[in-house]
């Protein structure tokens, strides 16, 4: 690791500790040339994850799109932002843990709906209505009836 002060390439690690909920390691280093200290962060490299859209196009997985969709569904609902972020983290971790490097947007949408159903049923129906492209009130009622049967 190059020293940010003198650019010397050798340093020693003074202290290491987990950061950002264990996904990163923070290292305090000391330059062996000038003696100044600096901090580095080590993160695990993730393989790129591609999302196959309904039209067949592919794009990189974007955690913020997952969060954005859930935020819209949970608008004016008693759902905390940290719960939405937790769900996004769970989904991203599950996708990264699978051996697949490509995943369909349909699969991601189903993962979101499964978690929203347990979190807030109104948010679930909102998300489902957009995600499943409800065409009329009958489709909406069918989904509500399914939800009622599951909860009783």
C-alpha atoms as a PDB file:
ATOM      1  CA  UNK A   1       0.000   0.000   0.000  1.00  0.00           C
ATOM      2  CA  UNK A   2       1.494   3.312  -1.111  1.00  0.00           C
ATOM      3  CA  UNK A   3       1.831   6.058   1.513  1.00  0.00           C
ATOM      4  CA  UNK A   4      -0.400   9.032   0.636  1.00  0.00           C
ATOM      5  CA  UNK A   5       2.240  11.429   2.031  1.00  0.00           C
ATOM      6  CA  UNK A   6       5.561  10.238   0.578  1.00  0.00           C
ATOM      7  CA  UNK A   7       4.447   7.522  -1.883  1.00  0.00           C
ATOM      8  CA  UNK A   8       6.696   4.911  -0.294  1.00  0.00           C
ATOM      9  CA  UNK A   9       5.313   1.453  -1.068  1.00  0.00           C
ATOM     10  CA  UNK A  10       5.953  -0.258   2.283  1.00  0.00           C
ATOM     11  CA  UNK A  11       3.847   0.155   5.402  1.00  0.00           C
ATOM     12  CA  UNK A  12       2.955  -1.867   8.454  1.00  0.00           C
ATOM     13  CA  UNK A  13      -0.517  -2.509   9.818  1.00  0.00           C
ATOM     14  CA  UNK A  14      -1.007  -0.988  13.272  1.00  0.00           C
ATOM     15  CA  UNK A  15      -4.646  -1.937  13.797  1.00  0.00           C
ATOM     16  CA  UNK A  16      -7.375  -3.871  11.934  1.00  0.00           C
ATOM     17  CA  UNK A  17     -11.074  -3.966  12.701  1.00  0.00           C
ATOM     18  CA  UNK A  18     -14.323  -4.757  10.909  1.00  0.00           C
ATOM     19  CA  UNK A  19     -16.289  -1.821   9.516  1.00  0.00           C
ATOM     20  CA  UNK A  20     -19.690  -1.362   7.856  1.00  0.00           C
ATOM     21  CA  UNK A  21     -21.325  -4.347   9.542  1.00  0.00           C
ATOM     22  CA  UNK A  22     -18.435  -6.699   8.788  1.00  0.00           C
ATOM     23  CA  UNK A  23     -18.408  -6.212   5.012  1.00  0.00           C
ATOM     24  CA  UNK A  24     -15.247  -4.102   5.126  1.00  0.00           C
ATOM     25  CA  UNK A  25     -11.993  -4.203   7.080  1.00  0.00           C
ATOM     26  CA  UNK A  26     -10.525  -0.910   8.295  1.00  0.00           C
ATOM     27  CA  UNK A  27      -6.748  -0.945   8.607  1.00  0.00           C
ATOM     28  CA  UNK A  28      -4.645   1.692  10.323  1.00  0.00           C
ATOM     29  CA  UNK A  29      -1.176   1.723   8.733  1.00  0.00           C
ATOM     30  CA  UNK A  30       2.175   3.395   9.373  1.00  0.00           C
ATOM     31  CA  UNK A  31       4.570   4.255   6.572  1.00  0.00           C
ATOM     32  CA  UNK A  32       7.987   2.620   7.025  1.00  0.00           C
ATOM     33  CA  UNK A  33       9.716   5.599   5.392  1.00  0.00           C
ATOM     34  CA  UNK A  34       8.158   8.797   6.809  1.00  0.00           C
ATOM     35  CA  UNK A  35       6.390   7.270   9.832  1.00  0.00           C
ATOM     36  CA  UNK A  36       3.041   8.964   9.132  1.00  0.00           C
ATOM     37  CA  UNK A  37      -0.155   7.037   9.704  1.00  0.00           C
ATOM     38  CA  UNK A  38      -3.063   6.552   7.336  1.00  0.00           C
ATOM     39  CA  UNK A  39      -6.221   4.465   7.062  1.00  0.00           C
ATOM     40  CA  UNK A  40      -7.157   1.994   4.334  1.00  0.00           C
ATOM     41  CA  UNK A  41     -10.316  -0.024   3.769  1.00  0.00           C
ATOM     42  CA  UNK A  42     -10.390  -3.518   2.360  1.00  0.00           C
ATOM     43  CA  UNK A  43     -13.599  -4.728   0.742  1.00  0.00           C
ATOM     44  CA  UNK A  44     -14.490  -8.055  -0.784  1.00  0.00           C
ATOM     45  CA  UNK A  45     -14.683  -7.917  -4.548  1.00  0.00           C
ATOM     46  CA  UNK A  46     -18.104  -8.906  -5.797  1.00  0.00           C
ATOM     47  CA  UNK A  47     -18.732 -10.476  -9.140  1.00  0.00           C
ATOM     48  CA  UNK A  48     -20.927  -8.417 -11.434  1.00  0.00           C
ATOM     49  CA  UNK A  49     -24.564  -9.428 -11.377  1.00  0.00           C
ATOM     50  CA  UNK A  50     -26.637  -8.866 -14.505  1.00  0.00           C
ATOM     51  CA  UNK A  51     -30.401  -8.464 -14.535  1.00  0.00           C
ATOM     52  CA  UNK A  52     -32.308  -9.803 -17.524  1.00  0.00           C
ATOM     53  CA  UNK A  53     -35.202  -7.426 -18.165  1.00  0.00           C
ATOM     54  CA  UNK A  54     -38.583  -8.495 -19.566  1.00  0.00           C
ATOM     55  CA  UNK A  55     -37.609  -7.266 -23.034  1.00  0.00           C
ATOM     56  CA  UNK A  56     -34.477  -9.476 -22.968  1.00  0.00           C
ATOM     57  CA  UNK A  57     -31.997  -6.652 -22.412  1.00  0.00           C
ATOM     58  CA  UNK A  58     -29.385  -6.936 -19.685  1.00  0.00           C
ATOM     59  CA  UNK A  59     -28.155  -4.367 -17.202  1.00  0.00           C
ATOM     60  CA  UNK A  60     -26.105  -4.349 -14.033  1.00  0.00           C
ATOM     61  CA  UNK A  61     -27.905  -5.048 -10.776  1.00  0.00           C
ATOM     62  CA  UNK A  62     -28.715  -1.765  -9.058  1.00  0.00           C
ATOM     63  CA  UNK A  63     -29.560  -1.977  -5.353  1.00  0.00           C
ATOM     64  CA  UNK A  64     -30.946   1.569  -5.500  1.00  0.00           C
ATOM     65  CA  UNK A  65     -33.619   0.471  -7.998  1.00  0.00           C
ATOM     66  CA  UNK A  66     -34.739  -2.220  -5.552  1.00  0.00           C
ATOM     67  CA  UNK A  67     -34.886   0.354  -2.755  1.00  0.00           C
ATOM     68  CA  UNK A  68     -36.645   2.899  -4.988  1.00  0.00           C
ATOM     69  CA  UNK A  69     -39.408   0.479  -5.904  1.00  0.00           C
ATOM     70  CA  UNK A  70     -39.984  -0.438  -2.276  1.00  0.00           C
ATOM     71  CA  UNK A  71     -39.945   3.213  -1.151  1.00  0.00           C
ATOM     72  CA  UNK A  72     -42.703   4.025  -3.663  1.00  0.00           C
ATOM     73  CA  UNK A  73     -44.767   1.051  -2.479  1.00  0.00           C
ATOM     74  CA  UNK A  74     -44.258   1.971   1.185  1.00  0.00           C
ATOM     75  CA  UNK A  75     -45.015   5.667   0.742  1.00  0.00           C
ATOM     76  CA  UNK A  76     -47.210   6.980   3.582  1.00  0.00           C
ATOM     77  CA  UNK A  77     -47.023   3.590   5.301  1.00  0.00           C
ATOM     78  CA  UNK A  78     -45.531   2.868   8.754  1.00  0.00           C
ATOM     79  CA  UNK A  79     -42.420   1.265   7.271  1.00  0.00           C
ATOM     80  CA  UNK A  80     -39.006   2.483   8.376  1.00  0.00           C
ATOM     81  CA  UNK A  81     -36.252   3.136   5.850  1.00  0.00           C
ATOM     82  CA  UNK A  82     -33.906   0.780   7.691  1.00  0.00           C
ATOM     83  CA  UNK A  83     -36.410  -2.057   7.101  1.00  0.00           C
ATOM     84  CA  UNK A  84     -36.406  -1.298   3.370  1.00  0.00           C
ATOM     85  CA  UNK A  85     -32.595  -1.225   3.350  1.00  0.00           C
ATOM     86  CA  UNK A  86     -32.479  -4.509   5.281  1.00  0.00           C
ATOM     87  CA  UNK A  87     -34.695  -6.162   2.655  1.00  0.00           C
ATOM     88  CA  UNK A  88     -32.523  -4.771  -0.161  1.00  0.00           C
ATOM     89  CA  UNK A  89     -29.422  -6.099   1.628  1.00  0.00           C
ATOM     90  CA  UNK A  90     -31.031  -9.539   2.047  1.00  0.00           C
ATOM     91  CA  UNK A  91     -31.996  -9.701  -1.619  1.00  0.00           C
ATOM     92  CA  UNK A  92     -28.578  -8.549  -2.820  1.00  0.00           C
ATOM     93  CA  UNK A  93     -26.827 -11.015  -0.506  1.00  0.00           C
ATOM     94  CA  UNK A  94     -29.058 -13.878  -1.652  1.00  0.00           C
ATOM     95  CA  UNK A  95     -28.370 -13.050  -5.302  1.00  0.00           C
ATOM     96  CA  UNK A  96     -24.619 -12.712  -4.724  1.00  0.00           C
ATOM     97  CA  UNK A  97     -24.566 -16.026  -2.828  1.00  0.00           C
ATOM     98  CA  UNK A  98     -26.162 -17.892  -5.697  1.00  0.00           C
ATOM     99  CA  UNK A  99     -23.847 -19.191  -8.358  1.00  0.00           C
ATOM    100  CA  UNK A 100     -25.832 -17.425 -11.077  1.00  0.00           C
ATOM    101  CA  UNK A 101     -24.317 -14.277 -12.554  1.00  0.00           C
ATOM    102  CA  UNK A 102     -27.532 -13.435 -14.420  1.00  0.00           C
ATOM    103  CA  UNK A 103     -30.939 -13.162 -12.788  1.00  0.00           C
ATOM    104  CA  UNK A 104     -34.293 -12.212 -14.248  1.00  0.00           C
ATOM    105  CA  UNK A 105     -36.070  -9.065 -13.140  1.00  0.00           C
ATOM    106  CA  UNK A 106     -39.094 -11.319 -12.545  1.00  0.00           C
ATOM    107  CA  UNK A 107     -37.170 -13.270  -9.908  1.00  0.00           C
ATOM    108  CA  UNK A 108     -36.069 -10.063  -8.174  1.00  0.00           C
ATOM    109  CA  UNK A 109     -39.645  -8.736  -8.221  1.00  0.00           C
ATOM    110  CA  UNK A 110     -40.919 -11.952  -6.634  1.00  0.00           C
ATOM    111  CA  UNK A 111     -38.242 -11.732  -3.931  1.00  0.00           C
ATOM    112  CA  UNK A 112     -39.319  -8.167  -3.152  1.00  0.00           C
ATOM    113  CA  UNK A 113     -43.007  -9.108  -3.043  1.00  0.00           C
ATOM    114  CA  UNK A 114     -42.366 -12.070  -0.721  1.00  0.00           C
ATOM    115  CA  UNK A 115     -40.672  -9.792   1.776  1.00  0.00           C
ATOM    116  CA  UNK A 116     -43.150  -6.911   1.426  1.00  0.00           C
ATOM    117  CA  UNK A 117     -46.037  -9.306   2.071  1.00  0.00           C
ATOM    118  CA  UNK A 118     -44.610 -10.003   5.545  1.00  0.00           C
ATOM    119  CA  UNK A 119     -43.646  -6.378   6.173  1.00  0.00           C
ATOM    120  CA  UNK A 120     -46.731  -4.421   5.064  1.00  0.00           C
ATOM    121  CA  UNK A 121     -49.645  -5.859   3.103  1.00  0.00           C
ATOM    122  CA  UNK A 122     -50.708  -2.518   1.621  1.00  0.00           C
ATOM    123  CA  UNK A 123     -47.181  -1.931   0.330  1.00  0.00           C
ATOM    124  CA  UNK A 124     -47.222  -5.470  -1.051  1.00  0.00           C
ATOM    125  CA  UNK A 125     -50.440  -4.831  -3.009  1.00  0.00           C
ATOM    126  CA  UNK A 126     -49.106  -1.507  -4.279  1.00  0.00           C
ATOM    127  CA  UNK A 127     -45.884  -3.101  -5.478  1.00  0.00           C
ATOM    128  CA  UNK A 128     -47.737  -6.069  -6.996  1.00  0.00           C
ATOM    129  CA  UNK A 129     -50.150  -3.805  -8.864  1.00  0.00           C
ATOM    130  CA  UNK A 130     -47.285  -2.084 -10.667  1.00  0.00           C
ATOM    131  CA  UNK A 131     -45.011  -5.117 -10.946  1.00  0.00           C
ATOM    132  CA  UNK A 132     -47.683  -7.480 -12.236  1.00  0.00           C
ATOM    133  CA  UNK A 133     -49.231  -4.717 -14.340  1.00  0.00           C
ATOM    134  CA  UNK A 134     -52.797  -5.064 -13.092  1.00  0.00           C
ATOM    135  CA  UNK A 135     -55.064  -4.207 -16.016  1.00  0.00           C
ATOM    136  CA  UNK A 136     -58.351  -3.692 -14.193  1.00  0.00           C
ATOM    137  CA  UNK A 137     -60.108  -3.824 -10.824  1.00  0.00           C
ATOM    138  CA  UNK A 138     -60.829  -7.562 -11.159  1.00  0.00           C
ATOM    139  CA  UNK A 139     -57.122  -8.385 -11.301  1.00  0.00           C
ATOM    140  CA  UNK A 140     -56.621  -6.187  -8.253  1.00  0.00           C
ATOM    141  CA  UNK A 141     -59.439  -7.970  -6.384  1.00  0.00           C
ATOM    142  CA  UNK A 142     -58.024 -11.402  -7.276  1.00  0.00           C
ATOM    143  CA  UNK A 143     -54.718 -10.454  -5.652  1.00  0.00           C
ATOM    144  CA  UNK A 144     -56.499  -9.096  -2.577  1.00  0.00           C
ATOM    145  CA  UNK A 145     -58.530 -12.304  -2.264  1.00  0.00           C
ATOM    146  CA  UNK A 146     -55.343 -14.411  -2.461  1.00  0.00           C
ATOM    147  CA  UNK A 147     -53.828 -12.266   0.284  1.00  0.00           C
ATOM    148  CA  UNK A 148     -56.944 -12.632   2.454  1.00  0.00           C
ATOM    149  CA  UNK A 149     -56.902 -16.427   2.082  1.00  0.00           C
ATOM    150  CA  UNK A 150     -53.222 -16.572   3.086  1.00  0.00           C
ATOM    151  CA  UNK A 151     -53.725 -14.459   6.215  1.00  0.00           C
ATOM    152  CA  UNK A 152     -56.759 -16.381   7.471  1.00  0.00           C
END
